[in-house]
Amino acid sequence: MSARGRDVRLFGVAITAGIVALGGAGLAYMPSGAAPEKPPATAVPHAADVDLAFRQGVAMLHARRHEHAIAAFHRVLKFAPAMPEAHANMGFALVGLKRYREAKSFFEGAIDLQPRQLNAYYGLALAAEGLGDLEVARGAMRTYVHLAPAGDPHRRKAEAALWEWSAGRGGTAIAAGGETAPGP
């Protein structure tokens, strides 16, 4: 082979490498059209504090230390106001203190944030009952029963509450596992 043949191949390799490099640089500056990535979980401000306060609130709720649960859920909601679980649990803490009007507001907030927040419907029914509004209580509990899976541990209690709340109206709330038509 002649020296000139090698020079042409080297020139071809150099041109190819240049085109690939320019193409790669062009792709790097081209907009992708995809949504921007979410920041990593570690970048969420106060994520560890929110998680700890939430777990503390749940523990206090289960221990029936409602004032302490409220304090914990206030901390959660300060940094995570769009967390439906915190709204629902705050509602349960308020129900424990018979502060039904405030509880109702938190349950409604949880439902606004997450319409399938199952425990918020159950809690809303309890708060409405505490306020003497059995119509709202029945509606919320019917929604709970409708959304709750068959094996849900609170479903039977919800069905019993519906039965009790409807008994005064001369009707039944549930028959053969389903709802009957509402009374007058």
N, C-alpha and C. Protein backbone atom coordinates (compact mmCIF):
# COMPACT_ATOMS: atom_id res chain seq x y z
N MET A 1 0.83 -1.17 0.00
CA MET A 1 0.00 0.00 0.00
C MET A 1 0.88 1.23 0.00
N SER A 2 0.35 2.24 -0.58
CA SER A 2 1.13 3.46 -0.65
C SER A 2 0.85 4.32 0.56
N ALA A 3 1.71 5.25 0.84
CA ALA A 3 1.57 6.14 1.97
C ALA A 3 0.33 7.01 1.79
N ARG A 4 0.04 7.27 0.53
CA ARG A 4 -1.10 8.11 0.25
C ARG A 4 -2.39 7.40 0.64
N GLY A 5 -2.53 6.07 0.49
CA GLY A 5 -3.70 5.28 0.85
C GLY A 5 -3.97 5.35 2.34
N ARG A 6 -2.91 5.28 3.11
CA ARG A 6 -3.07 5.37 4.56
C ARG A 6 -3.55 6.75 4.96
N ASP A 7 -3.07 7.79 4.33
CA ASP A 7 -3.48 9.15 4.66
C ASP A 7 -4.97 9.35 4.40
N VAL A 8 -5.52 8.76 3.35
CA VAL A 8 -6.94 8.91 3.03
C VAL A 8 -7.78 8.22 4.11
N ARG A 9 -7.34 7.06 4.55
CA ARG A 9 -8.10 6.35 5.59
C ARG A 9 -8.05 7.11 6.90
N LEU A 10 -6.90 7.64 7.23
CA LEU A 10 -6.80 8.42 8.47
C LEU A 10 -7.67 9.67 8.37
N PHE A 11 -7.68 10.26 7.17
CA PHE A 11 -8.52 11.44 6.97
C PHE A 11 -9.99 11.06 7.10
N GLY A 12 -10.41 9.91 6.59
CA GLY A 12 -11.79 9.42 6.69
C GLY A 12 -12.18 9.15 8.14
N VAL A 13 -11.25 8.56 8.90
CA VAL A 13 -11.51 8.29 10.32
C VAL A 13 -11.67 9.61 11.07
N ALA A 14 -10.83 10.58 10.76
CA ALA A 14 -10.90 11.88 11.43
C ALA A 14 -12.22 12.58 11.11
N ILE A 15 -12.65 12.51 9.86
CA ILE A 15 -13.92 13.14 9.47
C ILE A 15 -15.08 12.43 10.19
N THR A 16 -15.08 11.10 10.21
CA THR A 16 -16.15 10.33 10.87
C THR A 16 -16.20 10.66 12.35
N ALA A 17 -15.05 10.71 13.01
CA ALA A 17 -15.00 11.03 14.44
C ALA A 17 -15.52 12.45 14.67
N GLY A 18 -15.19 13.37 13.80
CA GLY A 18 -15.67 14.74 13.93
C GLY A 18 -17.19 14.83 13.79
N ILE A 19 -17.74 14.10 12.81
CA ILE A 19 -19.19 14.11 12.60
C ILE A 19 -19.91 13.51 13.81
N VAL A 20 -19.40 12.40 14.34
CA VAL A 20 -20.01 11.77 15.50
C VAL A 20 -19.96 12.72 16.70
N ALA A 21 -18.82 13.39 16.89
CA ALA A 21 -18.69 14.32 18.02
C ALA A 21 -19.65 15.49 17.87
N LEU A 22 -19.75 16.06 16.67
CA LEU A 22 -20.68 17.17 16.44
C LEU A 22 -22.13 16.72 16.60
N GLY A 23 -22.45 15.53 16.11
CA GLY A 23 -23.82 15.00 16.26
C GLY A 23 -24.17 14.79 17.73
N GLY A 24 -23.24 14.25 18.49
CA GLY A 24 -23.47 14.04 19.93
C GLY A 24 -23.65 15.36 20.65
N ALA A 25 -22.84 16.34 20.30
CA ALA A 25 -22.97 17.66 20.93
C ALA A 25 -24.31 18.29 20.55
N GLY A 26 -24.74 18.12 19.33
CA GLY A 26 -26.02 18.65 18.89
C GLY A 26 -27.19 18.00 19.64
N LEU A 27 -27.11 16.69 19.86
CA LEU A 27 -28.17 16.00 20.60
C LEU A 27 -28.21 16.45 22.05
N ALA A 28 -27.08 16.76 22.61
CA ALA A 28 -27.03 17.19 24.00
C ALA A 28 -27.75 18.52 24.20
N TYR A 29 -27.75 19.37 23.20
CA TYR A 29 -28.40 20.67 23.32
C TYR A 29 -29.83 20.68 22.78
N MET A 30 -30.27 19.60 22.18
CA MET A 30 -31.60 19.53 21.61
C MET A 30 -32.60 19.25 22.74
N PRO A 31 -33.74 19.99 22.80
CA PRO A 31 -34.73 19.72 23.84
C PRO A 31 -35.33 18.33 23.66
N SER A 32 -35.52 17.62 24.76
CA SER A 32 -35.99 16.25 24.68
C SER A 32 -37.50 16.16 24.59
N GLY A 33 -38.23 17.17 25.06
CA GLY A 33 -39.68 17.13 25.04
C GLY A 33 -40.25 16.34 26.20
N ALA A 34 -39.42 15.67 26.96
CA ALA A 34 -39.89 14.89 28.11
C ALA A 34 -40.03 15.80 29.31
N ALA A 35 -40.87 15.38 30.25
CA ALA A 35 -41.04 16.15 31.48
C ALA A 35 -39.76 16.11 32.29
N PRO A 36 -39.47 17.17 33.00
CA PRO A 36 -38.26 17.16 33.81
C PRO A 36 -38.36 16.11 34.91
N GLU A 37 -37.22 15.56 35.25
CA GLU A 37 -37.19 14.53 36.29
C GLU A 37 -37.50 15.15 37.63
N LYS A 38 -38.12 14.33 38.49
CA LYS A 38 -38.37 14.78 39.85
C LYS A 38 -37.05 14.76 40.60
N PRO A 39 -36.88 15.66 41.55
CA PRO A 39 -35.65 15.63 42.32
C PRO A 39 -35.59 14.35 43.15
N PRO A 40 -34.41 13.88 43.45
CA PRO A 40 -34.31 12.66 44.26
C PRO A 40 -34.95 12.88 45.63
N ALA A 41 -35.40 11.79 46.26
CA ALA A 41 -36.10 11.86 47.54
C ALA A 41 -35.28 12.60 48.59
N THR A 42 -33.96 12.49 48.50
CA THR A 42 -33.13 13.15 49.49
C THR A 42 -33.17 14.66 49.34
N ALA A 43 -33.64 15.16 48.16
CA ALA A 43 -33.68 16.59 47.94
C ALA A 43 -34.96 17.21 48.51
N VAL A 44 -35.94 16.38 48.92
CA VAL A 44 -37.17 16.91 49.49
C VAL A 44 -36.84 17.50 50.86
N PRO A 45 -37.17 18.78 51.05
CA PRO A 45 -36.83 19.40 52.33
C PRO A 45 -37.56 18.73 53.48
N HIS A 46 -36.86 18.42 54.52
CA HIS A 46 -37.41 17.88 55.76
C HIS A 46 -38.09 16.52 55.60
N ALA A 47 -37.75 15.73 54.60
CA ALA A 47 -38.40 14.44 54.37
C ALA A 47 -38.25 13.52 55.57
N ALA A 48 -37.07 13.49 56.16
CA ALA A 48 -36.85 12.62 57.33
C ALA A 48 -37.68 13.09 58.52
N ASP A 49 -37.79 14.42 58.70
CA ASP A 49 -38.59 14.96 59.79
C ASP A 49 -40.07 14.65 59.59
N VAL A 50 -40.54 14.75 58.35
CA VAL A 50 -41.94 14.47 58.04
C VAL A 50 -42.23 12.99 58.34
N ASP A 51 -41.36 12.11 57.91
CA ASP A 51 -41.56 10.68 58.14
C ASP A 51 -41.58 10.37 59.63
N LEU A 52 -40.64 10.91 60.37
CA LEU A 52 -40.58 10.67 61.81
C LEU A 52 -41.82 11.21 62.52
N ALA A 53 -42.22 12.43 62.20
CA ALA A 53 -43.40 13.03 62.84
C ALA A 53 -44.66 12.25 62.48
N PHE A 54 -44.75 11.76 61.25
CA PHE A 54 -45.92 10.98 60.86
C PHE A 54 -46.00 9.68 61.66
N ARG A 55 -44.87 8.98 61.77
CA ARG A 55 -44.85 7.73 62.55
C ARG A 55 -45.17 7.99 64.02
N GLN A 56 -44.66 9.10 64.56
CA GLN A 56 -44.96 9.45 65.95
C GLN A 56 -46.46 9.75 66.10
N GLY A 57 -47.03 10.48 65.18
CA GLY A 57 -48.45 10.79 65.22
C GLY A 57 -49.32 9.55 65.19
N VAL A 58 -48.97 8.61 64.32
CA VAL A 58 -49.73 7.36 64.23
C VAL A 58 -49.62 6.59 65.55
N ALA A 59 -48.42 6.54 66.11
CA ALA A 59 -48.24 5.84 67.40
C ALA A 59 -49.07 6.50 68.49
N MET A 60 -49.07 7.82 68.53
CA MET A 60 -49.85 8.54 69.55
C MET A 60 -51.36 8.33 69.32
N LEU A 61 -51.76 8.27 68.09
CA LEU A 61 -53.17 8.04 67.76
C LEU A 61 -53.60 6.67 68.27
N HIS A 62 -52.77 5.66 68.02
CA HIS A 62 -53.09 4.31 68.48
C HIS A 62 -53.08 4.21 70.00
N ALA A 63 -52.27 5.02 70.64
CA ALA A 63 -52.19 5.04 72.10
C ALA A 63 -53.28 5.94 72.70
N ARG A 64 -54.11 6.52 71.85
CA ARG A 64 -55.20 7.44 72.27
C ARG A 64 -54.66 8.67 73.00
N ARG A 65 -53.48 9.10 72.60
CA ARG A 65 -52.90 10.34 73.12
C ARG A 65 -53.11 11.40 72.04
N HIS A 66 -54.36 11.82 71.95
CA HIS A 66 -54.81 12.64 70.84
C HIS A 66 -54.12 14.00 70.74
N GLU A 67 -53.88 14.65 71.86
CA GLU A 67 -53.20 15.95 71.83
C GLU A 67 -51.79 15.81 71.24
N HIS A 68 -51.09 14.75 71.63
CA HIS A 68 -49.74 14.52 71.10
C HIS A 68 -49.80 14.17 69.61
N ALA A 69 -50.82 13.41 69.22
CA ALA A 69 -50.99 13.08 67.81
C ALA A 69 -51.23 14.34 66.99
N ILE A 70 -52.05 15.23 67.51
CA ILE A 70 -52.33 16.50 66.82
C ILE A 70 -51.05 17.30 66.63
N ALA A 71 -50.23 17.36 67.67
CA ALA A 71 -48.96 18.10 67.56
C ALA A 71 -48.07 17.49 66.48
N ALA A 72 -48.01 16.17 66.44
CA ALA A 72 -47.17 15.50 65.43
C ALA A 72 -47.71 15.75 64.02
N PHE A 73 -49.02 15.65 63.84
CA PHE A 73 -49.58 15.85 62.50
C PHE A 73 -49.51 17.31 62.07
N HIS A 74 -49.52 18.24 63.02
CA HIS A 74 -49.28 19.64 62.67
C HIS A 74 -47.87 19.80 62.09
N ARG A 75 -46.88 19.13 62.68
CA ARG A 75 -45.52 19.17 62.14
C ARG A 75 -45.47 18.58 60.74
N VAL A 76 -46.15 17.48 60.54
CA VAL A 76 -46.18 16.85 59.21
C VAL A 76 -46.78 17.81 58.19
N LEU A 77 -47.93 18.37 58.53
CA LEU A 77 -48.64 19.23 57.58
C LEU A 77 -47.93 20.55 57.32
N LYS A 78 -47.07 20.95 58.23
CA LYS A 78 -46.28 22.17 58.02
C LYS A 78 -45.37 21.99 56.80
N PHE A 79 -44.78 20.81 56.67
CA PHE A 79 -43.83 20.57 55.57
C PHE A 79 -44.42 19.75 54.42
N ALA A 80 -45.55 19.08 54.66
CA ALA A 80 -46.18 18.26 53.62
C ALA A 80 -47.69 18.51 53.63
N PRO A 81 -48.10 19.72 53.26
CA PRO A 81 -49.53 20.07 53.34
C PRO A 81 -50.41 19.29 52.37
N ALA A 82 -49.83 18.65 51.39
CA ALA A 82 -50.61 17.90 50.40
C ALA A 82 -50.61 16.40 50.69
N MET A 83 -50.33 16.01 51.92
CA MET A 83 -50.31 14.59 52.29
C MET A 83 -51.69 14.20 52.84
N PRO A 84 -52.51 13.50 52.04
CA PRO A 84 -53.87 13.18 52.48
C PRO A 84 -53.91 12.31 53.74
N GLU A 85 -52.93 11.42 53.90
CA GLU A 85 -52.90 10.56 55.08
C GLU A 85 -52.76 11.37 56.36
N ALA A 86 -51.99 12.44 56.31
CA ALA A 86 -51.80 13.29 57.49
C ALA A 86 -53.09 14.03 57.81
N HIS A 87 -53.81 14.49 56.78
CA HIS A 87 -55.09 15.15 57.00
C HIS A 87 -56.09 14.18 57.65
N ALA A 88 -56.16 12.96 57.12
CA ALA A 88 -57.10 11.98 57.67
C ALA A 88 -56.75 11.64 59.11
N ASN A 89 -55.48 11.41 59.38
CA ASN A 89 -55.08 11.06 60.75
C ASN A 89 -55.28 12.22 61.71
N MET A 90 -55.08 13.44 61.25
CA MET A 90 -55.38 14.60 62.08
C MET A 90 -56.87 14.61 62.41
N GLY A 91 -57.70 14.28 61.44
CA GLY A 91 -59.13 14.19 61.67
C GLY A 91 -59.47 13.17 62.74
N PHE A 92 -58.83 12.00 62.71
CA PHE A 92 -59.10 10.97 63.72
C PHE A 92 -58.67 11.44 65.11
N ALA A 93 -57.55 12.15 65.19
CA ALA A 93 -57.11 12.69 66.48
C ALA A 93 -58.13 13.68 67.02
N LEU A 94 -58.68 14.51 66.15
CA LEU A 94 -59.68 15.48 66.56
C LEU A 94 -61.00 14.81 66.95
N VAL A 95 -61.38 13.74 66.26
CA VAL A 95 -62.57 12.97 66.65
C VAL A 95 -62.37 12.41 68.06
N GLY A 96 -61.15 11.95 68.34
CA GLY A 96 -60.85 11.43 69.67
C GLY A 96 -61.06 12.46 70.77
N LEU A 97 -60.94 13.74 70.42
CA LEU A 97 -61.16 14.82 71.39
C LEU A 97 -62.57 15.42 71.24
N LYS A 98 -63.40 14.78 70.42
CA LYS A 98 -64.77 15.24 70.17
C LYS A 98 -64.82 16.63 69.55
N ARG A 99 -63.80 16.98 68.80
CA ARG A 99 -63.76 18.25 68.08
C ARG A 99 -64.18 17.96 66.63
N TYR A 100 -65.47 17.65 66.51
CA TYR A 100 -66.01 17.10 65.27
C TYR A 100 -65.98 18.06 64.09
N ARG A 101 -66.25 19.33 64.32
CA ARG A 101 -66.27 20.29 63.22
C ARG A 101 -64.88 20.40 62.59
N GLU A 102 -63.85 20.51 63.42
CA GLU A 102 -62.48 20.57 62.90
C GLU A 102 -62.11 19.26 62.21
N ALA A 103 -62.51 18.15 62.82
CA ALA A 103 -62.20 16.84 62.24
C ALA A 103 -62.83 16.72 60.86
N LYS A 104 -64.07 17.13 60.74
CA LYS A 104 -64.77 17.06 59.45
C LYS A 104 -64.00 17.82 58.37
N SER A 105 -63.48 18.97 58.73
CA SER A 105 -62.72 19.77 57.79
C SER A 105 -61.45 19.04 57.32
N PHE A 106 -60.77 18.37 58.25
CA PHE A 106 -59.56 17.64 57.86
C PHE A 106 -59.89 16.43 56.99
N PHE A 107 -60.98 15.73 57.30
CA PHE A 107 -61.37 14.59 56.46
C PHE A 107 -61.75 15.07 55.06
N GLU A 108 -62.47 16.16 54.97
CA GLU A 108 -62.82 16.71 53.66
C GLU A 108 -61.58 17.14 52.89
N GLY A 109 -60.60 17.69 53.61
CA GLY A 109 -59.34 18.06 52.96
C GLY A 109 -58.61 16.85 52.41
N ALA A 110 -58.61 15.76 53.17
CA ALA A 110 -57.96 14.52 52.70
C ALA A 110 -58.65 14.01 51.44
N ILE A 111 -59.97 14.05 51.43
CA ILE A 111 -60.73 13.58 50.27
C ILE A 111 -60.49 14.48 49.07
N ASP A 112 -60.39 15.79 49.29
CA ASP A 112 -60.08 16.71 48.19
C ASP A 112 -58.72 16.39 47.58
N LEU A 113 -57.76 16.06 48.44
CA LEU A 113 -56.41 15.74 47.95
C LEU A 113 -56.34 14.37 47.28
N GLN A 114 -57.11 13.41 47.81
CA GLN A 114 -57.08 12.04 47.29
C GLN A 114 -58.48 11.45 47.41
N PRO A 115 -59.28 11.53 46.34
CA PRO A 115 -60.67 11.08 46.42
C PRO A 115 -60.84 9.61 46.80
N ARG A 116 -59.81 8.80 46.71
CA ARG A 116 -59.92 7.40 47.10
C ARG A 116 -59.25 7.13 48.46
N GLN A 117 -59.12 8.18 49.27
CA GLN A 117 -58.54 8.05 50.62
C GLN A 117 -59.62 7.41 51.50
N LEU A 118 -59.60 6.10 51.54
CA LEU A 118 -60.66 5.30 52.14
C LEU A 118 -60.96 5.68 53.59
N ASN A 119 -59.92 5.78 54.41
CA ASN A 119 -60.17 6.06 55.83
C ASN A 119 -60.73 7.46 56.06
N ALA A 120 -60.56 8.36 55.11
CA ALA A 120 -61.12 9.70 55.26
C ALA A 120 -62.65 9.66 55.19
N TYR A 121 -63.21 8.78 54.37
CA TYR A 121 -64.66 8.65 54.31
C TYR A 121 -65.21 8.08 55.62
N TYR A 122 -64.51 7.11 56.17
CA TYR A 122 -64.93 6.52 57.45
C TYR A 122 -64.89 7.60 58.54
N GLY A 123 -63.79 8.34 58.58
CA GLY A 123 -63.66 9.40 59.58
C GLY A 123 -64.67 10.51 59.37
N LEU A 124 -64.93 10.87 58.13
CA LEU A 124 -65.93 11.90 57.84
C LEU A 124 -67.30 11.46 58.38
N ALA A 125 -67.61 10.17 58.23
CA ALA A 125 -68.87 9.66 58.75
C ALA A 125 -68.92 9.79 60.27
N LEU A 126 -67.82 9.48 60.94
CA LEU A 126 -67.78 9.61 62.41
C LEU A 126 -67.94 11.06 62.84
N ALA A 127 -67.25 11.96 62.16
CA ALA A 127 -67.34 13.38 62.51
C ALA A 127 -68.75 13.92 62.27
N ALA A 128 -69.36 13.53 61.14
CA ALA A 128 -70.71 13.98 60.83
C ALA A 128 -71.70 13.44 61.86
N GLU A 129 -71.51 12.20 62.28
CA GLU A 129 -72.37 11.64 63.32
C GLU A 129 -72.22 12.45 64.61
N GLY A 130 -71.00 12.78 64.97
CA GLY A 130 -70.74 13.58 66.16
C GLY A 130 -71.41 14.95 66.09
N LEU A 131 -71.56 15.47 64.88
CA LEU A 131 -72.22 16.76 64.69
C LEU A 131 -73.74 16.62 64.57
N GLY A 132 -74.21 15.36 64.58
CA GLY A 132 -75.65 15.12 64.46
C GLY A 132 -76.15 15.14 63.03
N ASP A 133 -75.27 15.14 62.06
CA ASP A 133 -75.65 15.18 60.64
C ASP A 133 -75.61 13.76 60.07
N LEU A 134 -76.69 13.00 60.34
CA LEU A 134 -76.71 11.60 59.92
C LEU A 134 -76.79 11.43 58.41
N GLU A 135 -77.32 12.42 57.72
CA GLU A 135 -77.38 12.32 56.25
C GLU A 135 -75.96 12.30 55.66
N VAL A 136 -75.12 13.22 56.11
CA VAL A 136 -73.72 13.24 55.66
C VAL A 136 -73.00 11.99 56.15
N ALA A 137 -73.28 11.59 57.38
CA ALA A 137 -72.64 10.39 57.93
C ALA A 137 -72.98 9.16 57.08
N ARG A 138 -74.24 9.00 56.72
CA ARG A 138 -74.64 7.86 55.88
C ARG A 138 -73.96 7.92 54.51
N GLY A 139 -73.94 9.10 53.91
CA GLY A 139 -73.32 9.23 52.59
C GLY A 139 -71.84 8.89 52.61
N ALA A 140 -71.14 9.39 53.61
CA ALA A 140 -69.70 9.11 53.71
C ALA A 140 -69.45 7.63 53.98
N MET A 141 -70.28 7.04 54.86
CA MET A 141 -70.07 5.62 55.18
C MET A 141 -70.45 4.73 54.00
N ARG A 142 -71.45 5.13 53.23
CA ARG A 142 -71.79 4.36 52.02
C ARG A 142 -70.61 4.38 51.04
N THR A 143 -69.98 5.53 50.92
CA THR A 143 -68.82 5.64 50.04
C THR A 143 -67.71 4.73 50.54
N TYR A 144 -67.48 4.75 51.85
CA TYR A 144 -66.46 3.88 52.44
C TYR A 144 -66.75 2.42 52.10
N VAL A 145 -67.99 1.97 52.36
CA VAL A 145 -68.35 0.57 52.11
C VAL A 145 -68.20 0.25 50.63
N HIS A 146 -68.56 1.18 49.77
CA HIS A 146 -68.45 0.96 48.33
C HIS A 146 -66.99 0.77 47.90
N LEU A 147 -66.09 1.56 48.48
CA LEU A 147 -64.68 1.52 48.09
C LEU A 147 -63.88 0.44 48.82
N ALA A 148 -64.34 0.03 50.00
CA ALA A 148 -63.56 -0.91 50.82
C ALA A 148 -63.57 -2.31 50.21
N PRO A 149 -62.41 -2.95 50.18
CA PRO A 149 -62.37 -4.33 49.69
C PRO A 149 -63.12 -5.26 50.65
N ALA A 150 -63.55 -6.40 50.16
CA ALA A 150 -64.35 -7.34 50.95
C ALA A 150 -63.67 -7.72 52.26
N GLY A 151 -62.37 -7.85 52.28
CA GLY A 151 -61.66 -8.27 53.49
C GLY A 151 -61.27 -7.14 54.42
N ASP A 152 -61.73 -5.93 54.16
CA ASP A 152 -61.34 -4.79 54.99
C ASP A 152 -61.81 -5.02 56.43
N PRO A 153 -60.90 -4.86 57.41
CA PRO A 153 -61.25 -5.15 58.80
C PRO A 153 -62.30 -4.22 59.41
N HIS A 154 -62.53 -3.08 58.81
CA HIS A 154 -63.50 -2.12 59.36
C HIS A 154 -64.84 -2.13 58.62
N ARG A 155 -64.92 -2.94 57.58
CA ARG A 155 -66.11 -2.95 56.75
C ARG A 155 -67.37 -3.36 57.53
N ARG A 156 -67.28 -4.40 58.35
CA ARG A 156 -68.44 -4.87 59.11
C ARG A 156 -68.95 -3.79 60.06
N LYS A 157 -68.02 -3.10 60.71
CA LYS A 157 -68.41 -2.03 61.62
C LYS A 157 -69.09 -0.90 60.84
N ALA A 158 -68.59 -0.62 59.65
CA ALA A 158 -69.19 0.42 58.81
C ALA A 158 -70.60 0.01 58.39
N GLU A 159 -70.78 -1.25 58.02
CA GLU A 159 -72.10 -1.73 57.64
C GLU A 159 -73.07 -1.66 58.82
N ALA A 160 -72.57 -1.99 60.02
CA ALA A 160 -73.41 -1.91 61.22
C ALA A 160 -73.82 -0.46 61.51
N ALA A 161 -72.88 0.46 61.33
CA ALA A 161 -73.20 1.88 61.55
C ALA A 161 -74.26 2.33 60.55
N LEU A 162 -74.13 1.93 59.32
CA LEU A 162 -75.13 2.30 58.31
C LEU A 162 -76.50 1.74 58.70
N TRP A 163 -76.51 0.52 59.15
CA TRP A 163 -77.77 -0.11 59.55
C TRP A 163 -78.41 0.69 60.69
N GLU A 164 -77.59 1.01 61.68
CA GLU A 164 -78.08 1.77 62.85
C GLU A 164 -78.58 3.15 62.44
N TRP A 165 -77.82 3.86 61.63
CA TRP A 165 -78.19 5.21 61.23
C TRP A 165 -79.44 5.22 60.36
N SER A 166 -79.69 4.14 59.65
CA SER A 166 -80.87 4.07 58.78
C SER A 166 -82.09 3.52 59.50
N ALA A 167 -81.91 2.85 60.63
CA ALA A 167 -83.02 2.24 61.35
C ALA A 167 -84.05 3.27 61.77
N GLY A 168 -83.61 4.44 62.18
CA GLY A 168 -84.51 5.50 62.60
C GLY A 168 -85.33 6.05 61.46
N ARG A 169 -84.93 5.78 60.24
CA ARG A 169 -85.64 6.29 59.07
C ARG A 169 -86.64 5.27 58.54
N GLY A 170 -86.71 4.09 59.19
CA GLY A 170 -87.63 3.06 58.74
C GLY A 170 -87.11 2.28 57.54
N GLY A 171 -85.84 2.44 57.21
CA GLY A 171 -85.27 1.73 56.08
C GLY A 171 -84.06 0.93 56.51
N THR A 172 -83.45 0.28 55.56
CA THR A 172 -82.21 -0.44 55.81
C THR A 172 -81.15 0.13 54.92
N ALA A 173 -79.94 0.12 55.41
CA ALA A 173 -78.85 0.66 54.62
C ALA A 173 -78.21 -0.39 53.76
N ILE A 174 -78.18 -1.61 54.26
CA ILE A 174 -77.47 -2.66 53.54
C ILE A 174 -78.28 -3.94 53.64
N ALA A 175 -78.45 -4.59 52.54
CA ALA A 175 -79.14 -5.88 52.52
C ALA A 175 -78.36 -6.80 51.61
N ALA A 176 -78.06 -7.98 52.08
CA ALA A 176 -77.34 -9.00 51.29
C ALA A 176 -76.05 -8.45 50.71
N GLY A 177 -75.33 -7.68 51.50
CA GLY A 177 -74.01 -7.20 51.07
C GLY A 177 -74.07 -5.99 50.15
N GLY A 178 -75.24 -5.50 49.82
CA GLY A 178 -75.33 -4.34 48.94
C GLY A 178 -76.22 -3.28 49.57
N GLU A 179 -76.30 -2.15 48.95
CA GLU A 179 -77.11 -1.06 49.49
C GLU A 179 -78.51 -1.13 48.90
N THR A 180 -79.49 -0.77 49.70
CA THR A 180 -80.84 -0.62 49.18
C THR A 180 -81.04 0.83 48.83
N ALA A 181 -82.14 1.10 48.22
CA ALA A 181 -82.43 2.50 47.86
C ALA A 181 -82.59 3.32 49.13
N PRO A 182 -82.10 4.53 49.13
CA PRO A 182 -82.25 5.36 50.31
C PRO A 182 -83.72 5.68 50.58
N GLY A 183 -84.02 5.90 51.84
CA GLY A 183 -85.39 6.22 52.24
C GLY A 183 -85.77 7.64 51.87
N PRO A 184 -86.96 8.08 52.30
CA PRO A 184 -87.45 9.41 51.92
C PRO A 184 -86.62 10.53 52.44
